[in-house]
PDB file of all heavy atoms in Angstrom:
ATOM      1  N   ASP A   1       9.400  -6.242  -9.057  1.00  0.00           N
ATOM      2  CA  ASP A   1       8.109  -6.381  -9.746  1.00  0.00           C
ATOM      3  C   ASP A   1       7.373  -7.640  -9.299  1.00  0.00           C
ATOM      4  O   ASP A   1       6.143  -7.617  -9.103  1.00  0.00           O
ATOM      5  CB  ASP A   1       8.329  -6.419 -11.255  1.00  0.00           C
ATOM      6  CG  ASP A   1       8.757  -5.073 -11.833  1.00  0.00           C
ATOM      7  OD1 ASP A   1       8.603  -4.050 -11.130  1.00  0.00           O
ATOM      8  OD2 ASP A   1       9.242  -5.043 -12.984  1.00  0.00           O
ATOM      9  N   ARG A   2       8.094  -8.721  -9.119  1.00  0.00           N
ATOM     10  CA  ARG A   2       7.426  -9.969  -8.733  1.00  0.00           C
ATOM     11  C   ARG A   2       6.943  -9.933  -7.295  1.00  0.00           C
ATOM     12  O   ARG A   2       5.894 -10.497  -6.965  1.00  0.00           O
ATOM     13  CB  ARG A   2       8.374 -11.150  -8.968  1.00  0.00           C
ATOM     14  CG  ARG A   2       8.548 -11.456 -10.460  1.00  0.00           C
ATOM     15  CD  ARG A   2       9.460 -12.633 -10.715  1.00  0.00           C
ATOM     16  NE  ARG A   2       9.475 -12.982 -12.131  1.00  0.00           N
ATOM     17  CZ  ARG A   2      10.263 -13.903 -12.677  1.00  0.00           C
ATOM     18  NH1 ARG A   2      11.119 -14.575 -11.902  1.00  0.00           N
ATOM     19  NH2 ARG A   2      10.220 -14.158 -13.966  1.00  0.00           N
ATOM     20  N   LEU A   3       7.676  -9.270  -6.426  1.00  0.00           N
ATOM     21  CA  LEU A   3       7.201  -9.106  -5.052  1.00  0.00           C
ATOM     22  C   LEU A   3       5.937  -8.260  -5.024  1.00  0.00           C
ATOM     23  O   LEU A   3       4.965  -8.580  -4.320  1.00  0.00           O
ATOM     24  CB  LEU A   3       8.292  -8.476  -4.192  1.00  0.00           C
ATOM     25  CG  LEU A   3       9.473  -9.383  -3.838  1.00  0.00           C
ATOM     26  CD1 LEU A   3      10.605  -8.560  -3.224  1.00  0.00           C
ATOM     27  CD2 LEU A   3       9.036 -10.482  -2.874  1.00  0.00           C
ATOM     28  N   ARG A   4       5.943  -7.196  -5.805  1.00  0.00           N
ATOM     29  CA  ARG A   4       4.741  -6.352  -5.861  1.00  0.00           C
ATOM     30  C   ARG A   4       3.564  -7.119  -6.452  1.00  0.00           C
ATOM     31  O   ARG A   4       2.425  -6.981  -5.989  1.00  0.00           O
ATOM     32  CB  ARG A   4       5.032  -5.092  -6.673  1.00  0.00           C
ATOM     33  CG  ARG A   4       5.893  -4.081  -5.915  1.00  0.00           C
ATOM     34  CD  ARG A   4       6.309  -2.916  -6.791  1.00  0.00           C
ATOM     35  NE  ARG A   4       6.967  -1.868  -6.005  1.00  0.00           N
ATOM     36  CZ  ARG A   4       7.750  -0.928  -6.501  1.00  0.00           C
ATOM     37  NH1 ARG A   4       7.986  -0.914  -7.821  1.00  0.00           N
ATOM     38  NH2 ARG A   4       8.302  -0.025  -5.716  1.00  0.00           N
ATOM     39  N   ALA A   5       3.830  -7.943  -7.461  1.00  0.00           N
ATOM     40  CA  ALA A   5       2.759  -8.750  -8.061  1.00  0.00           C
ATOM     41  C   ALA A   5       2.169  -9.722  -7.050  1.00  0.00           C
ATOM     42  O   ALA A   5       0.999 -10.110  -7.155  1.00  0.00           O
ATOM     43  CB  ALA A   5       3.287  -9.498  -9.278  1.00  0.00           C
ATOM     44  N   ALA A   6       2.983 -10.114  -6.055  1.00  0.00           N
ATOM     45  CA  ALA A   6       2.502 -11.018  -5.004  1.00  0.00           C
ATOM     46  C   ALA A   6       1.781 -10.270  -3.894  1.00  0.00           C
ATOM     47  O   ALA A   6       1.382 -10.869  -2.894  1.00  0.00           O
ATOM     48  CB  ALA A   6       3.675 -11.801  -4.427  1.00  0.00           C
ATOM     49  N   GLY A   7       1.620  -8.955  -4.070  1.00  0.00           N
ATOM     50  CA  GLY A   7       0.883  -8.161  -3.098  1.00  0.00           C
ATOM     51  C   GLY A   7       1.727  -7.597  -1.970  1.00  0.00           C
ATOM     52  O   GLY A   7       1.173  -7.118  -0.970  1.00  0.00           O
ATOM     53  N   ILE A   8       3.056  -7.626  -2.117  1.00  0.00           N
ATOM     54  CA  ILE A   8       3.943  -7.122  -1.062  1.00  0.00           C
ATOM     55  C   ILE A   8       4.421  -5.724  -1.436  1.00  0.00           C
ATOM     56  O   ILE A   8       5.034  -5.537  -2.489  1.00  0.00           O
ATOM     57  CB  ILE A   8       5.154  -8.050  -0.879  1.00  0.00           C
ATOM     58  CG1 ILE A   8       4.692  -9.459  -0.476  1.00  0.00           C
ATOM     59  CG2 ILE A   8       6.115  -7.485   0.164  1.00  0.00           C
ATOM     60  CD1 ILE A   8       5.808 -10.468  -0.430  1.00  0.00           C
ATOM     61  N   PRO A   9       4.175  -4.718  -0.615  1.00  0.00           N
ATOM     62  CA  PRO A   9       4.683  -3.378  -0.910  1.00  0.00           C
ATOM     63  C   PRO A   9       6.215  -3.356  -0.873  1.00  0.00           C
ATOM     64  O   PRO A   9       6.829  -3.949   0.015  1.00  0.00           O
ATOM     65  CB  PRO A   9       4.104  -2.513   0.215  1.00  0.00           C
ATOM     66  CG  PRO A   9       2.969  -3.301   0.780  1.00  0.00           C
ATOM     67  CD  PRO A   9       3.349  -4.740   0.612  1.00  0.00           C
ATOM     68  N   VAL A  10       6.814  -2.690  -1.860  1.00  0.00           N
ATOM     69  CA  VAL A  10       8.273  -2.572  -1.924  1.00  0.00           C
ATOM     70  C   VAL A  10       8.638  -1.093  -2.022  1.00  0.00           C
ATOM     71  O   VAL A  10       8.111  -0.374  -2.882  1.00  0.00           O
ATOM     72  CB  VAL A  10       8.864  -3.339  -3.125  1.00  0.00           C
ATOM     73  CG1 VAL A  10      10.387  -3.227  -3.114  1.00  0.00           C
ATOM     74  CG2 VAL A  10       8.440  -4.802  -3.101  1.00  0.00           C
ATOM     75  N   TRP A  11       9.527  -0.669  -1.157  1.00  0.00           N
ATOM     76  CA  TRP A  11      10.025   0.713  -1.162  1.00  0.00           C
ATOM     77  C   TRP A  11      11.429   0.705  -1.751  1.00  0.00           C
ATOM     78  O   TRP A  11      12.342   0.117  -1.183  1.00  0.00           O
ATOM     79  CB  TRP A  11      10.051   1.264   0.262  1.00  0.00           C
ATOM     80  CG  TRP A  11      10.438   2.713   0.343  1.00  0.00           C
ATOM     81  CD1 TRP A  11      11.686   3.234   0.528  1.00  0.00           C
ATOM     82  CD2 TRP A  11       9.551   3.833   0.247  1.00  0.00           C
ATOM     83  NE1 TRP A  11      11.640   4.602   0.542  1.00  0.00           N
ATOM     84  CE2 TRP A  11      10.347   4.998   0.384  1.00  0.00           C
ATOM     85  CE3 TRP A  11       8.176   3.960   0.059  1.00  0.00           C
ATOM     86  CZ2 TRP A  11       9.805   6.275   0.334  1.00  0.00           C
ATOM     87  CZ3 TRP A  11       7.641   5.241   0.012  1.00  0.00           C
ATOM     88  CH2 TRP A  11       8.443   6.377   0.152  1.00  0.00           C
ATOM     89  N   VAL A  12      11.603   1.323  -2.921  1.00  0.00           N
ATOM     90  CA  VAL A  12      12.895   1.325  -3.604  1.00  0.00           C
ATOM     91  C   VAL A  12      13.596   2.655  -3.352  1.00  0.00           C
ATOM     92  O   VAL A  12      13.035   3.724  -3.625  1.00  0.00           O
ATOM     93  CB  VAL A  12      12.729   1.096  -5.118  1.00  0.00           C
ATOM     94  CG1 VAL A  12      14.097   1.109  -5.808  1.00  0.00           C
ATOM     95  CG2 VAL A  12      12.027  -0.241  -5.381  1.00  0.00           C
ATOM     96  N   THR A  13      14.821   2.578  -2.865  1.00  0.00           N
ATOM     97  CA  THR A  13      15.619   3.772  -2.640  1.00  0.00           C
ATOM     98  C   THR A  13      16.543   4.015  -3.824  1.00  0.00           C
ATOM     99  O   THR A  13      16.928   3.079  -4.538  1.00  0.00           O
ATOM    100  CB  THR A  13      16.462   3.639  -1.356  1.00  0.00           C
ATOM    101  OG1 THR A  13      17.332   2.501  -1.479  1.00  0.00           O
ATOM    102  CG2 THR A  13      15.569   3.459  -0.142  1.00  0.00           C
ATOM    103  N   VAL A  14      16.904   5.262  -4.031  1.00  0.00           N
ATOM    104  CA  VAL A  14      17.889   5.647  -5.049  1.00  0.00           C
ATOM    105  C   VAL A  14      18.904   6.531  -4.349  1.00  0.00           C
ATOM    106  O   VAL A  14      18.572   7.626  -3.883  1.00  0.00           O
ATOM    107  CB  VAL A  14      17.237   6.409  -6.223  1.00  0.00           C
ATOM    108  CG1 VAL A  14      18.309   6.851  -7.218  1.00  0.00           C
ATOM    109  CG2 VAL A  14      16.186   5.550  -6.899  1.00  0.00           C
ATOM    110  N   ILE A  15      20.144   6.064  -4.280  1.00  0.00           N
ATOM    111  CA  ILE A  15      21.162   6.772  -3.509  1.00  0.00           C
ATOM    112  C   ILE A  15      22.451   6.830  -4.318  1.00  0.00           C
ATOM    113  O   ILE A  15      23.146   5.829  -4.462  1.00  0.00           O
ATOM    114  CB  ILE A  15      21.391   6.090  -2.146  1.00  0.00           C
ATOM    115  CG1 ILE A  15      20.112   6.194  -1.303  1.00  0.00           C
ATOM    116  CG2 ILE A  15      22.571   6.725  -1.421  1.00  0.00           C
ATOM    117  CD1 ILE A  15      20.166   5.434   0.002  1.00  0.00           C
ATOM    118  N   GLU A  16      22.747   8.015  -4.856  1.00  0.00           N
ATOM    119  CA  GLU A  16      23.955   8.204  -5.653  1.00  0.00           C
ATOM    120  C   GLU A  16      24.823   9.329  -5.106  1.00  0.00           C
ATOM    121  O   GLU A  16      25.782   9.737  -5.763  1.00  0.00           O
ATOM    122  CB  GLU A  16      23.584   8.468  -7.115  1.00  0.00           C
ATOM    123  CG  GLU A  16      22.870   7.290  -7.772  1.00  0.00           C
ATOM    124  CD  GLU A  16      22.533   7.527  -9.235  1.00  0.00           C
ATOM    125  OE1 GLU A  16      22.799   8.652  -9.728  1.00  0.00           O
ATOM    126  OE2 GLU A  16      22.014   6.603  -9.883  1.00  0.00           O
ATOM    127  N   SER A  17      24.484   9.833  -3.924  1.00  0.00           N
ATOM    128  CA  SER A  17      25.287  10.882  -3.301  1.00  0.00           C
ATOM    129  C   SER A  17      24.987  10.881  -1.809  1.00  0.00           C
ATOM    130  O   SER A  17      24.009  10.269  -1.350  1.00  0.00           O
ATOM    131  CB  SER A  17      24.951  12.260  -3.886  1.00  0.00           C
ATOM    132  OG  SER A  17      23.637  12.648  -3.501  1.00  0.00           O
ATOM    133  N   VAL A  18      25.804  11.556  -1.051  1.00  0.00           N
ATOM    134  CA  VAL A  18      25.578  11.659   0.386  1.00  0.00           C
ATOM    135  C   VAL A  18      24.260  12.383   0.664  1.00  0.00           C
ATOM    136  O   VAL A  18      23.473  11.960   1.518  1.00  0.00           O
ATOM    137  CB  VAL A  18      26.759  12.379   1.070  1.00  0.00           C
ATOM    138  CG1 VAL A  18      26.437  12.665   2.537  1.00  0.00           C
ATOM    139  CG2 VAL A  18      28.028  11.544   0.963  1.00  0.00           C
ATOM    140  N   ASP A  19      24.000  13.470  -0.072  1.00  0.00           N
ATOM    141  CA  ASP A  19      22.748  14.199   0.144  1.00  0.00           C
ATOM    142  C   ASP A  19      21.528  13.331  -0.156  1.00  0.00           C
ATOM    143  O   ASP A  19      20.523  13.378   0.558  1.00  0.00           O
ATOM    144  CB  ASP A  19      22.710  15.465  -0.713  1.00  0.00           C
ATOM    145  CG  ASP A  19      23.585  16.578  -0.139  1.00  0.00           C
ATOM    146  OD1 ASP A  19      23.961  16.485   1.044  1.00  0.00           O
ATOM    147  OD2 ASP A  19      23.896  17.530  -0.881  1.00  0.00           O
ATOM    148  N   GLU A  20      21.604  12.526  -1.218  1.00  0.00           N
ATOM    149  CA  GLU A  20      20.495  11.623  -1.528  1.00  0.00           C
ATOM    150  C   GLU A  20      20.323  10.586  -0.432  1.00  0.00           C
ATOM    151  O   GLU A  20      19.192  10.219  -0.084  1.00  0.00           O
ATOM    152  CB  GLU A  20      20.717  10.940  -2.875  1.00  0.00           C
ATOM    153  CG  GLU A  20      20.425  11.822  -4.068  1.00  0.00           C
ATOM    154  CD  GLU A  20      20.465  11.072  -5.386  1.00  0.00           C
ATOM    155  OE1 GLU A  20      20.869   9.887  -5.405  1.00  0.00           O
ATOM    156  OE2 GLU A  20      20.086  11.674  -6.408  1.00  0.00           O
ATOM    157  N   ALA A  21      21.429  10.105   0.123  1.00  0.00           N
ATOM    158  CA  ALA A  21      21.342   9.138   1.218  1.00  0.00           C
ATOM    159  C   ALA A  21      20.632   9.754   2.418  1.00  0.00           C
ATOM    160  O   ALA A  21      19.719   9.147   3.005  1.00  0.00           O
ATOM    161  CB  ALA A  21      22.731   8.661   1.617  1.00  0.00           C
ATOM    162  N   LEU A  22      21.027  10.953   2.796  1.00  0.00           N
ATOM    163  CA  LEU A  22      20.417  11.614   3.948  1.00  0.00           C
ATOM    164  C   LEU A  22      18.932  11.844   3.726  1.00  0.00           C
ATOM    165  O   LEU A  22      18.106  11.566   4.603  1.00  0.00           O
ATOM    166  CB  LEU A  22      21.131  12.939   4.215  1.00  0.00           C
ATOM    167  CG  LEU A  22      22.619  12.851   4.590  1.00  0.00           C
ATOM    168  CD1 LEU A  22      23.232  14.239   4.650  1.00  0.00           C
ATOM    169  CD2 LEU A  22      22.803  12.121   5.909  1.00  0.00           C
ATOM    170  N   ALA A  23      18.575  12.340   2.531  1.00  0.00           N
ATOM    171  CA  ALA A  23      17.168  12.625   2.248  1.00  0.00           C
ATOM    172  C   ALA A  23      16.351  11.341   2.191  1.00  0.00           C
ATOM    173  O   ALA A  23      15.221  11.275   2.723  1.00  0.00           O
ATOM    174  CB  ALA A  23      17.051  13.389   0.929  1.00  0.00           C
ATOM    175  N   SER A  24      16.885  10.304   1.554  1.00  0.00           N
ATOM    176  CA  SER A  24      16.163   9.044   1.424  1.00  0.00           C
ATOM    177  C   SER A  24      15.930   8.397   2.788  1.00  0.00           C
ATOM    178  O   SER A  24      14.835   7.906   3.086  1.00  0.00           O
ATOM    179  CB  SER A  24      16.935   8.093   0.504  1.00  0.00           C
ATOM    180  OG  SER A  24      16.233   6.881   0.327  1.00  0.00           O
ATOM    181  N   LEU A  25      16.940   8.410   3.633  1.00  0.00           N
ATOM    182  CA  LEU A  25      16.814   7.804   4.951  1.00  0.00           C
ATOM    183  C   LEU A  25      15.878   8.597   5.846  1.00  0.00           C
ATOM    184  O   LEU A  25      15.138   8.025   6.653  1.00  0.00           O
ATOM    185  CB  LEU A  25      18.194   7.664   5.581  1.00  0.00           C
ATOM    186  CG  LEU A  25      19.088   6.610   4.914  1.00  0.00           C
ATOM    187  CD1 LEU A  25      20.542   6.787   5.336  1.00  0.00           C
ATOM    188  CD2 LEU A  25      18.609   5.209   5.242  1.00  0.00           C
ATOM    189  N   ARG A  26      15.889   9.912   5.718  1.00  0.00           N
ATOM    190  CA  ARG A  26      14.930  10.714   6.489  1.00  0.00           C
ATOM    191  C   ARG A  26      13.497  10.359   6.108  1.00  0.00           C
ATOM    192  O   ARG A  26      12.613  10.252   6.967  1.00  0.00           O
ATOM    193  CB  ARG A  26      15.179  12.207   6.245  1.00  0.00           C
ATOM    194  CG  ARG A  26      16.399  12.772   6.939  1.00  0.00           C
ATOM    195  CD  ARG A  26      16.427  14.292   6.863  1.00  0.00           C
ATOM    196  NE  ARG A  26      17.671  14.823   7.412  1.00  0.00           N
ATOM    197  CZ  ARG A  26      18.652  15.343   6.712  1.00  0.00           C
ATOM    198  NH1 ARG A  26      18.544  15.428   5.386  1.00  0.00           N
ATOM    199  NH2 ARG A  26      19.739  15.797   7.289  1.00  0.00           N
ATOM    200  N   ARG A  27      13.257  10.170   4.832  1.00  0.00           N
ATOM    201  CA  ARG A  27      11.900   9.797   4.391  1.00  0.00           C
ATOM    202  C   ARG A  27      11.522   8.414   4.880  1.00  0.00           C
ATOM    203  O   ARG A  27      10.411   8.184   5.351  1.00  0.00           O
ATOM    204  CB  ARG A  27      11.815   9.846   2.868  1.00  0.00           C
ATOM    205  CG  ARG A  27      11.666  11.233   2.304  1.00  0.00           C
ATOM    206  CD  ARG A  27      10.706  11.273   1.129  1.00  0.00           C
ATOM    207  NE  ARG A  27      11.025  10.329   0.087  1.00  0.00           N
ATOM    208  CZ  ARG A  27      10.120   9.781  -0.723  1.00  0.00           C
ATOM    209  NH1 ARG A  27       8.838  10.043  -0.565  1.00  0.00           N
ATOM    210  NH2 ARG A  27      10.487   8.952  -1.687  1.00  0.00           N
ATOM    211  N   LEU A  28      12.467   7.470   4.763  1.00  0.00           N
ATOM    212  CA  LEU A  28      12.170   6.100   5.157  1.00  0.00           C
ATOM    213  C   LEU A  28      11.833   6.019   6.643  1.00  0.00           C
ATOM    214  O   LEU A  28      10.807   5.428   7.027  1.00  0.00           O
ATOM    215  CB  LEU A  28      13.361   5.192   4.845  1.00  0.00           C
ATOM    216  CG  LEU A  28      13.219   3.731   5.277  1.00  0.00           C
ATOM    217  CD1 LEU A  28      12.039   3.061   4.580  1.00  0.00           C
ATOM    218  CD2 LEU A  28      14.507   2.957   5.002  1.00  0.00           C
ATOM    219  N   PHE A  29      12.665   6.632   7.475  1.00  0.00           N
ATOM    220  CA  PHE A  29      12.443   6.510   8.916  1.00  0.00           C
ATOM    221  C   PHE A  29      11.406   7.498   9.434  1.00  0.00           C
ATOM    222  O   PHE A  29      10.565   7.137  10.263  1.00  0.00           O
ATOM    223  CB  PHE A  29      13.763   6.681   9.670  1.00  0.00           C
ATOM    224  CG  PHE A  29      14.656   5.478   9.557  1.00  0.00           C
ATOM    225  CD1 PHE A  29      15.699   5.454   8.657  1.00  0.00           C
ATOM    226  CD2 PHE A  29      14.419   4.358  10.333  1.00  0.00           C
ATOM    227  CE1 PHE A  29      16.510   4.333   8.526  1.00  0.00           C
ATOM    228  CE2 PHE A  29      15.224   3.229  10.217  1.00  0.00           C
ATOM    229  CZ  PHE A  29      16.268   3.211   9.315  1.00  0.00           C
ATOM    230  N   GLY A  30      11.460   8.728   8.931  1.00  0.00           N
ATOM    231  CA  GLY A  30      10.547   9.732   9.461  1.00  0.00           C
ATOM    232  C   GLY A  30       9.138   9.620   8.939  1.00  0.00           C
ATOM    233  O   GLY A  30       8.168   9.732   9.696  1.00  0.00           O
TER     234      GLY A  30
END
């Protein structure tokens, strides 16, 4: 929250399974 308040975009990942990891990383990189 404080980084965002300083005007810095923050991308938060949520990874609680292998499938979530694969999907999250595909979005981040792709």
